[in-house]
Amino acid sequence: MRMSTDSFDRLSNALQPLLDTHPTAIQEYHKAGHSMKRFRWAVLYASKYDIRSLYNEGLTDNHIDTALRKITKTA
């Protein structure tokens, strides 16, 4: 993963409270026919995390999605 450990930790810390608060959200998205990628980015959006810092590190949406995949896998 290209994202720094520090950035990953900040991102994970921003998303984890939402994942903990809504433990069935993944299943609800799946039942509604939404993709897992949509779920990951919806959680990121809901967290209000300022991703400009990640883009300023030279990361792309694909790099960010890799980190989101890792974070939501543990949810």
C-alpha atoms as a PDB file:
ATOM      1  CA  MET A   1       0.000   0.000   0.000  1.00  0.00           C
ATOM      2  CA  ARG A   2       1.383   3.354  -1.002  1.00  0.00           C
ATOM      3  CA  MET A   3      -0.298   5.343   1.794  1.00  0.00           C
ATOM      4  CA  SER A   4       1.926   6.171   4.749  1.00  0.00           C
ATOM      5  CA  THR A   5       1.247   4.446   8.043  1.00  0.00           C
ATOM      6  CA  ASP A   6       0.470   7.788   9.673  1.00  0.00           C
ATOM      7  CA  SER A   7      -2.099   8.701   7.017  1.00  0.00           C
ATOM      8  CA  PHE A   8      -3.632   5.234   7.173  1.00  0.00           C
ATOM      9  CA  ASP A   9      -3.963   5.463  10.954  1.00  0.00           C
ATOM     10  CA  ARG A  10      -5.638   8.885  10.740  1.00  0.00           C
ATOM     11  CA  LEU A  11      -8.037   7.637   8.084  1.00  0.00           C
ATOM     12  CA  SER A  12      -8.817   4.472  10.011  1.00  0.00           C
ATOM     13  CA  ASN A  13      -9.426   6.435  13.215  1.00  0.00           C
ATOM     14  CA  ALA A  14     -11.854   8.698  11.341  1.00  0.00           C
ATOM     15  CA  LEU A  15     -13.847   5.815   9.863  1.00  0.00           C
ATOM     16  CA  GLN A  16     -13.862   3.304  12.695  1.00  0.00           C
ATOM     17  CA  PRO A  17     -16.444   5.090  14.887  1.00  0.00           C
ATOM     18  CA  LEU A  18     -18.943   4.997  12.001  1.00  0.00           C
ATOM     19  CA  LEU A  19     -18.258   1.331  11.345  1.00  0.00           C
ATOM     20  CA  ASP A  20     -18.642   0.551  15.040  1.00  0.00           C
ATOM     21  CA  THR A  21     -21.870   2.551  15.336  1.00  0.00           C
ATOM     22  CA  HIS A  22     -23.468   0.893  12.298  1.00  0.00           C
ATOM     23  CA  PRO A  23     -22.265  -2.721  12.310  1.00  0.00           C
ATOM     24  CA  THR A  24     -24.927  -3.933   9.858  1.00  0.00           C
ATOM     25  CA  ALA A  25     -24.333  -1.203   7.279  1.00  0.00           C
ATOM     26  CA  ILE A  26     -22.345  -3.509   4.976  1.00  0.00           C
ATOM     27  CA  GLN A  27     -25.185  -6.017   4.863  1.00  0.00           C
ATOM     28  CA  GLU A  28     -27.727  -3.249   4.264  1.00  0.00           C
ATOM     29  CA  TYR A  29     -25.714  -1.907   1.321  1.00  0.00           C
ATOM     30  CA  HIS A  30     -25.385  -5.409  -0.094  1.00  0.00           C
ATOM     31  CA  LYS A  31     -29.146  -6.046   0.227  1.00  0.00           C
ATOM     32  CA  ALA A  32     -29.828  -2.759  -1.555  1.00  0.00           C
ATOM     33  CA  GLY A  33     -27.695  -3.933  -4.475  1.00  0.00           C
ATOM     34  CA  HIS A  34     -24.874  -1.452  -3.925  1.00  0.00           C
ATOM     35  CA  SER A  35     -21.254  -2.342  -4.502  1.00  0.00           C
ATOM     36  CA  MET A  36     -18.713  -2.647  -1.743  1.00  0.00           C
ATOM     37  CA  LYS A  37     -16.782   0.198  -3.350  1.00  0.00           C
ATOM     38  CA  ARG A  38     -19.817   2.455  -2.979  1.00  0.00           C
ATOM     39  CA  PHE A  39     -20.065   1.410   0.668  1.00  0.00           C
ATOM     40  CA  ARG A  40     -16.403   2.226   1.319  1.00  0.00           C
ATOM     41  CA  TRP A  41     -16.643   5.678  -0.239  1.00  0.00           C
ATOM     42  CA  ALA A  42     -19.979   6.392   1.468  1.00  0.00           C
ATOM     43  CA  VAL A  43     -18.355   5.685   4.833  1.00  0.00           C
ATOM     44  CA  LEU A  44     -15.475   7.983   3.907  1.00  0.00           C
ATOM     45  CA  TYR A  45     -17.914  10.724   2.900  1.00  0.00           C
ATOM     46  CA  ALA A  46     -19.977  10.278   6.069  1.00  0.00           C
ATOM     47  CA  SER A  47     -16.843  10.576   8.195  1.00  0.00           C
ATOM     48  CA  LYS A  48     -16.229  14.084   6.789  1.00  0.00           C
ATOM     49  CA  TYR A  49     -12.521  13.210   6.608  1.00  0.00           C
ATOM     50  CA  ASP A  50     -10.646  15.842   4.591  1.00  0.00           C
ATOM     51  CA  ILE A  51      -9.009  13.721   1.907  1.00  0.00           C
ATOM     52  CA  ARG A  52      -7.148  16.632   0.338  1.00  0.00           C
ATOM     53  CA  SER A  53      -4.151  15.703   2.465  1.00  0.00           C
ATOM     54  CA  LEU A  54      -4.128  12.265   0.852  1.00  0.00           C
ATOM     55  CA  TYR A  55      -4.229  13.726  -2.646  1.00  0.00           C
ATOM     56  CA  ASN A  56      -1.455  16.139  -1.625  1.00  0.00           C
ATOM     57  CA  GLU A  57       0.666  13.073  -0.777  1.00  0.00           C
ATOM     58  CA  GLY A  58       0.305  12.049  -4.415  1.00  0.00           C
ATOM     59  CA  LEU A  59      -2.268   9.345  -3.758  1.00  0.00           C
ATOM     60  CA  THR A  60      -4.987   8.533  -6.256  1.00  0.00           C
ATOM     61  CA  ASP A  61      -8.511   7.244  -5.731  1.00  0.00           C
ATOM     62  CA  ASN A  62      -7.165   3.731  -6.287  1.00  0.00           C
ATOM     63  CA  HIS A  63      -4.610   4.140  -3.478  1.00  0.00           C
ATOM     64  CA  ILE A  64      -7.273   5.533  -1.164  1.00  0.00           C
ATOM     65  CA  ASP A  65      -9.678   2.724  -2.056  1.00  0.00           C
ATOM     66  CA  THR A  66      -7.016   0.144  -1.196  1.00  0.00           C
ATOM     67  CA  ALA A  67      -6.780   1.657   2.287  1.00  0.00           C
ATOM     68  CA  LEU A  68     -10.577   1.825   2.586  1.00  0.00           C
ATOM     69  CA  ARG A  69     -10.790  -1.842   1.602  1.00  0.00           C
ATOM     70  CA  LYS A  70      -8.343  -2.755   4.358  1.00  0.00           C
ATOM     71  CA  ILE A  71     -10.188  -0.641   6.948  1.00  0.00           C
ATOM     72  CA  THR A  72     -13.667  -1.934   6.124  1.00  0.00           C
ATOM     73  CA  LYS A  73     -12.487  -5.553   6.008  1.00  0.00           C
ATOM     74  CA  THR A  74     -11.902  -5.379   9.758  1.00  0.00           C
ATOM     75  CA  ALA A  75     -15.326  -3.834  10.394  1.00  0.00           C
END
